[in-house]
Structure formats: structure tokens, C-alpha cells
N, C-alpha and C. Protein backbone atom coordinates (compact mmCIF):
# COMPACT_ATOMS: atom_id res chain seq x y z
N MET A 1 86.62 28.65 132.65
CA MET A 1 85.91 27.76 133.41
C MET A 1 84.88 27.51 133.08
N TYR A 2 84.20 27.88 132.18
CA TYR A 2 82.76 27.42 131.34
C TYR A 2 82.82 25.81 131.34
N ALA A 3 83.73 25.48 130.22
CA ALA A 3 83.89 24.48 130.13
C ALA A 3 84.14 23.45 131.27
N GLY A 4 84.73 23.56 132.52
CA GLY A 4 85.17 22.96 133.57
C GLY A 4 86.37 21.93 133.56
N VAL A 5 87.15 22.55 132.43
CA VAL A 5 88.86 21.56 132.34
C VAL A 5 89.36 22.86 133.29
N PRO A 6 90.45 21.82 134.31
CA PRO A 6 91.78 22.23 134.97
C PRO A 6 92.17 23.10 133.68
N ILE A 7 93.45 23.68 134.41
CA ILE A 7 94.36 24.81 133.97
C ILE A 7 95.77 24.64 134.20
N ILE A 8 96.69 24.22 133.10
CA ILE A 8 98.25 24.53 133.70
C ILE A 8 98.22 26.04 133.34
N CYS A 9 98.52 26.68 134.37
CA CYS A 9 99.00 28.48 134.03
C CYS A 9 100.73 28.17 133.85
N MET A 10 101.14 29.26 132.77
CA MET A 10 102.20 29.65 131.99
C MET A 10 102.41 31.18 132.39
N PRO A 11 102.30 31.75 133.11
CA PRO A 11 102.16 33.36 133.18
C PRO A 11 103.70 33.69 132.30
N ASN A 12 103.31 34.72 132.16
CA ASN A 12 104.28 35.29 131.15
C ASN A 12 104.96 36.98 131.95
N SER A 13 103.84 37.77 131.98
CA SER A 13 103.83 39.04 132.66
C SER A 13 102.44 39.58 133.46
N GLY A 14 102.76 40.39 133.72
CA GLY A 14 101.45 41.32 134.53
C GLY A 14 100.84 40.44 135.37
N ASP A 15 99.35 40.07 135.07
CA ASP A 15 98.37 39.95 136.07
C ASP A 15 98.35 38.19 135.94
N GLN A 16 99.10 37.88 135.31
CA GLN A 16 99.14 36.67 134.72
C GLN A 16 99.36 35.67 136.01
N PHE A 17 100.36 36.68 136.75
CA PHE A 17 100.97 35.65 137.79
C PHE A 17 99.96 35.29 139.04
N LEU A 18 99.23 36.50 138.96
CA LEU A 18 98.22 36.83 140.07
C LEU A 18 96.86 35.88 139.49
N ASN A 19 96.77 35.43 138.63
CA ASN A 19 95.44 35.01 137.88
C ASN A 19 96.17 33.12 138.22
N SER A 20 97.47 33.43 137.82
CA SER A 20 97.84 32.01 138.24
C SER A 20 97.67 31.71 139.45
N SER A 21 98.17 32.32 140.27
CA SER A 21 97.92 32.17 141.80
C SER A 21 96.26 31.89 142.08
N LEU A 22 95.72 32.58 141.81
CA LEU A 22 94.58 32.55 142.13
C LEU A 22 93.77 30.99 141.43
N VAL A 23 94.57 30.27 140.26
CA VAL A 23 93.72 28.96 139.90
C VAL A 23 94.64 27.97 140.84
N GLU A 24 95.65 28.18 141.02
CA GLU A 24 95.96 27.30 142.00
C GLU A 24 95.17 27.26 143.72
N HIS A 25 95.12 28.31 143.96
CA HIS A 25 94.80 28.88 145.43
C HIS A 25 92.76 28.00 145.21
N LEU A 26 92.29 28.03 143.75
CA LEU A 26 91.11 27.74 144.43
C LEU A 26 90.85 26.30 143.50
N GLY A 27 92.29 25.66 143.24
CA GLY A 27 92.31 24.14 143.15
C GLY A 27 91.75 23.82 141.80
N ILE A 28 91.73 24.84 140.56
CA ILE A 28 91.46 24.32 140.07
C ILE A 28 92.29 24.12 138.38
N GLY A 29 94.26 24.01 138.91
CA GLY A 29 94.57 24.15 138.07
C GLY A 29 95.98 23.94 138.72
N ILE A 30 96.93 24.23 137.80
CA ILE A 30 98.47 24.17 138.52
C ILE A 30 98.74 25.47 138.25
N PHE A 31 100.09 26.07 139.10
CA PHE A 31 100.76 27.44 138.60
C PHE A 31 102.11 26.84 138.04
N TYR A 32 102.83 27.07 136.61
CA TYR A 32 103.82 25.86 136.36
C TYR A 32 104.77 27.84 136.10
N ILE A 33 105.76 27.40 136.87
CA ILE A 33 106.53 28.60 136.72
C ILE A 33 108.09 27.83 135.42
N GLU A 34 108.78 28.47 134.77
CA GLU A 34 109.92 27.86 134.41
C GLU A 34 110.86 29.19 135.10
N LYS A 35 112.07 28.22 135.70
CA LYS A 35 112.74 28.29 136.45
C LYS A 35 113.81 29.79 136.25
N LYS A 36 113.71 30.72 136.71
CA LYS A 36 114.91 31.55 135.83
C LYS A 36 116.39 31.72 136.20
N GLU A 37 117.37 31.49 135.07
CA GLU A 37 118.67 31.29 135.55
C GLU A 37 119.67 32.00 135.51
N THR A 38 120.52 32.05 135.66
CA THR A 38 121.84 32.47 135.99
C THR A 38 122.37 33.02 134.56
N LEU A 39 123.22 33.32 134.40
CA LEU A 39 124.37 33.41 133.04
C LEU A 39 124.70 32.02 132.64
N PHE A 40 125.87 32.08 133.86
CA PHE A 40 126.55 30.84 134.42
C PHE A 40 125.66 29.61 134.04
N GLU A 41 124.57 29.54 134.85
CA GLU A 41 123.56 27.97 134.54
C GLU A 41 123.28 28.11 133.28
N LYS A 42 123.18 29.03 132.64
CA LYS A 42 122.61 28.68 130.87
C LYS A 42 123.39 28.17 130.16
N PHE A 43 124.91 29.25 130.61
CA PHE A 43 126.26 28.27 129.45
C PHE A 43 125.92 27.12 129.84
N LYS A 44 125.87 26.68 131.37
CA LYS A 44 126.49 25.29 132.02
C LYS A 44 125.53 24.27 131.11
N LYS A 45 123.82 24.12 131.09
CA LYS A 45 123.04 23.63 130.72
C LYS A 45 123.38 23.74 129.01
N MET A 46 123.99 24.57 128.69
CA MET A 46 123.84 24.72 126.91
C MET A 46 124.76 23.55 126.33
N LEU A 47 125.90 23.60 127.31
CA LEU A 47 127.24 22.65 126.67
C LEU A 47 126.75 21.00 127.13
N THR A 48 125.74 21.01 128.64
CA THR A 48 125.20 19.56 128.21
C THR A 48 123.86 19.12 127.82
N ARG A 49 123.74 20.33 127.10
CA ARG A 49 122.13 19.60 126.54
C ARG A 49 120.80 19.02 126.82
N ASN A 50 120.94 19.44 128.39
CA ASN A 50 120.06 18.93 129.40
C ASN A 50 118.89 19.58 129.59
N LYS A 51 118.97 20.98 129.15
CA LYS A 51 117.82 21.79 129.79
C LYS A 51 116.45 21.94 129.21
N ARG A 52 116.40 21.14 127.97
CA ARG A 52 115.03 21.02 127.82
C ARG A 52 114.61 19.58 127.92
N ASP A 53 115.14 18.49 128.51
CA ASP A 53 114.79 17.49 129.65
C ASP A 53 114.01 17.64 130.98
N GLU A 54 115.01 18.79 131.18
CA GLU A 54 114.58 19.21 132.57
C GLU A 54 113.50 19.99 132.43
N GLU A 55 113.38 20.62 131.72
CA GLU A 55 111.74 21.36 131.81
C GLU A 55 110.52 20.56 131.04
N ASN A 56 111.25 19.99 130.30
CA ASN A 56 109.83 18.63 130.14
C ASN A 56 109.71 17.78 130.84
N SER A 57 110.20 17.61 132.17
CA SER A 57 110.15 16.90 133.16
C SER A 57 109.09 17.59 134.13
N VAL A 58 109.67 18.66 134.41
CA VAL A 58 108.59 19.81 135.31
C VAL A 58 107.42 19.98 134.80
N PHE A 59 107.20 20.04 133.13
CA PHE A 59 106.35 19.96 132.93
C PHE A 59 104.98 18.89 132.79
N LYS A 60 105.68 17.74 132.78
CA LYS A 60 105.43 16.81 132.28
C LYS A 60 104.41 16.25 134.28
N GLU A 61 105.32 16.57 134.72
CA GLU A 61 104.77 16.35 135.75
C GLU A 61 103.07 16.84 136.09
N ALA A 62 103.43 18.37 135.90
CA ALA A 62 102.59 19.27 136.47
C ALA A 62 100.95 18.51 135.13
N LEU A 63 101.45 18.54 133.91
CA LEU A 63 100.58 17.59 132.99
C LEU A 63 99.71 16.42 133.86
N ASP A 64 100.49 15.23 134.45
CA ASP A 64 100.24 14.16 135.08
C ASP A 64 99.48 14.31 135.78
N ALA A 65 99.78 15.98 136.99
CA ALA A 65 99.21 15.87 138.14
C ALA A 65 97.23 16.12 137.39
N ILE A 66 97.39 16.65 136.62
CA ILE A 66 96.32 17.25 135.79
C ILE A 66 95.46 16.21 135.17
N LEU A 67 95.85 15.80 134.61
CA LEU A 67 95.21 14.21 133.99
C LEU A 67 95.30 13.44 134.31
N GLY A 68 95.89 12.98 135.34
CA GLY A 68 95.71 12.47 136.15
C GLY A 68 94.50 11.14 136.13
N ASN A 69 94.02 10.48 137.13
CA ASN A 69 92.88 9.61 136.60
C ASN A 69 91.64 10.93 137.00
N ILE A 70 90.74 11.02 135.74
CA ILE A 70 90.21 11.83 135.55
C ILE A 70 88.55 12.23 136.63
N HIS A 71 88.43 10.46 137.16
CA HIS A 71 87.17 10.65 137.66
C HIS A 71 87.45 11.21 139.71
N SER A 72 89.08 10.75 139.76
CA SER A 72 89.27 11.02 141.22
C SER A 72 90.21 12.27 141.33
N ASN A 73 90.43 12.71 140.32
CA ASN A 73 91.35 13.81 139.99
C ASN A 73 90.55 15.15 140.79
N ASN A 74 91.51 15.48 141.93
CA ASN A 74 91.20 16.78 142.71
C ASN A 74 90.78 18.21 142.20
N TYR A 75 91.63 18.53 140.49
CA TYR A 75 91.39 19.62 139.55
C TYR A 75 90.22 19.65 139.31
N GLN A 76 89.96 18.47 138.67
CA GLN A 76 89.03 17.92 137.29
C GLN A 76 87.89 18.28 138.31
N ILE A 77 87.82 17.57 139.95
CA ILE A 77 86.98 17.70 140.48
C ILE A 77 85.66 19.04 140.92
N ALA A 78 87.50 19.69 141.03
CA ALA A 78 87.42 21.83 141.61
C ALA A 78 87.05 22.26 140.67
N ALA A 79 87.19 22.15 139.33
CA ALA A 79 86.84 22.59 137.90
C ALA A 79 85.42 22.26 137.54
N SER A 80 84.65 21.04 137.97
CA SER A 80 83.80 20.76 137.20
C SER A 80 82.60 21.60 138.57
N ASN A 81 82.95 21.72 139.71
CA ASN A 81 82.35 22.34 141.01
C ASN A 81 82.29 24.17 140.25
N LEU A 82 83.42 24.38 139.77
CA LEU A 82 83.16 25.92 139.50
C LEU A 82 82.43 25.77 138.31
N ARG A 83 82.33 25.34 137.25
CA ARG A 83 82.39 25.07 136.03
C ARG A 83 80.25 25.64 136.32
N ASN A 84 79.83 24.22 137.39
CA ASN A 84 78.48 24.07 137.68
C ASN A 84 77.48 25.78 138.68
N LYS A 85 78.78 25.93 139.26
CA LYS A 85 78.46 27.15 139.93
C LYS A 85 78.49 28.47 138.83
N ILE A 86 79.30 28.35 138.21
CA ILE A 86 79.12 29.74 137.08
C ILE A 86 77.64 29.54 136.61
N LEU A 87 77.33 28.36 135.87
CA LEU A 87 76.29 27.71 135.03
C LEU A 87 74.93 28.23 135.75
N THR A 88 74.83 27.40 137.13
CA THR A 88 73.79 27.69 137.71
C THR A 88 73.91 29.35 138.02
N ASP A 89 74.45 30.19 138.48
CA ASP A 89 74.58 31.27 138.42
C ASP A 89 73.76 32.14 137.10
N PHE A 90 74.59 32.20 135.92
CA PHE A 90 73.81 32.49 135.19
C PHE A 90 72.44 31.83 134.36
N ASP A 91 72.25 30.65 135.06
CA ASP A 91 70.68 29.78 134.02
C ASP A 91 69.98 30.50 135.25
N ASP A 92 70.17 31.36 136.18
CA ASP A 92 69.43 31.70 137.28
C ASP A 92 69.00 33.30 136.35
N GLY A 93 69.16 33.41 135.33
CA GLY A 93 68.89 35.03 134.09
C GLY A 93 69.49 35.73 134.87
N ASN A 94 70.77 35.89 135.66
CA ASN A 94 71.51 36.74 136.37
C ASN A 94 72.95 37.22 134.62
N THR A 95 73.17 38.70 134.84
CA THR A 95 73.88 39.00 133.97
C THR A 95 75.55 39.34 134.77
N ALA A 96 76.62 39.16 133.58
CA ALA A 96 77.75 39.42 134.78
C ALA A 96 77.56 40.92 135.08
N GLU A 97 77.31 41.46 134.37
CA GLU A 97 76.88 43.14 135.23
C GLU A 97 76.29 42.91 136.40
N ARG A 98 75.04 42.35 136.17
CA ARG A 98 74.24 42.36 137.87
C ARG A 98 74.93 41.49 138.45
N LYS A 99 75.73 40.65 138.44
CA LYS A 99 76.25 39.95 139.83
C LYS A 99 77.14 40.53 140.21
N PHE A 100 77.97 41.27 138.91
CA PHE A 100 78.86 42.33 139.95
C PHE A 100 78.94 43.05 140.78
N ILE A 101 77.91 43.99 140.09
CA ILE A 101 77.31 44.89 141.24
C ILE A 101 76.61 44.69 142.14
N ASP A 102 75.73 43.81 142.33
CA ASP A 102 75.45 42.71 143.13
C ASP A 102 76.88 42.18 144.71
N LYS A 103 77.79 42.10 143.79
CA LYS A 103 78.81 41.83 145.12
C LYS A 103 79.83 43.10 145.73
N ILE A 104 79.71 44.08 144.32
CA ILE A 104 80.03 45.43 145.23
C ILE A 104 79.53 45.49 146.30
N VAL A 105 77.88 45.71 146.17
CA VAL A 105 76.89 46.29 147.34
C VAL A 105 77.03 45.27 148.30
N GLU A 106 77.01 43.99 148.32
CA GLU A 106 77.43 42.83 148.80
C GLU A 106 78.77 43.44 149.98
N LEU A 107 79.60 43.90 149.21
CA LEU A 107 81.24 44.23 150.07
C LEU A 107 81.27 45.82 150.77
N VAL A 108 80.05 46.60 149.98
CA VAL A 108 80.65 48.17 150.44
C VAL A 108 79.47 48.30 151.07
N GLY A 109 77.59 47.91 150.60
CA GLY A 109 76.93 48.13 151.13
C GLY A 109 76.42 49.46 149.75
N ASN A 110 75.14 49.74 150.72
CA ASN A 110 74.37 51.10 149.68
C ASN A 110 75.25 52.31 149.65
């Protein structure tokens, strides 16, 4: 988020799904996931050869949402706001370690 650019997340495994959900929750991007298909659906699409068109269509919708009018795009605004917060926090001389410890102290106490 340092650059303030919205994200299209394409999780594959592990914590990527959680991180993608957080991106969407924060409004700084879109969680894009390909639909899992049954063997029958894969075979049918292989015969009709339209699978790539459908995948491209869903991805194009996500890309259009991210790239829409940049000046009024909610994803761009949220990403820029988060970037500014990150830069402000670290311009105050805070280190990542100090911020982390302060947050732990805030949540847990001394």
C-alpha cells in the first residue's frame, strides 16, 4: 500500500485468502477468485471452448472496477488514504517494530 495503488487479489493458497478478504474489507481492492469447476463442467467447457472468455469477462469486470474513473474511484480513494496514513505514521519517526509493540500494549496492556 506504500504506493497507494488499488489491488486485484488472486489468492492461491494459505493466508492469501485471508489477506484478500482484508483488502476487500478495507476497500482498497477486489478479491477475485476463479470458480472451481466439476470435472463435468471442465469437460463441457473444453468442448465449447468458451472457458477463457468467461474467465476474461469476470477479470475484466474486476479490472474495470479498479481502473474506473481514477479521481472518483472508491478503491483509489481508499488506497490513497491508507497510503497517506502509512506515510504519516512512519514520517513521525516510528519504526514498524515500535508500531507493532505499541499496538500489542494497547490491546493487551502492560
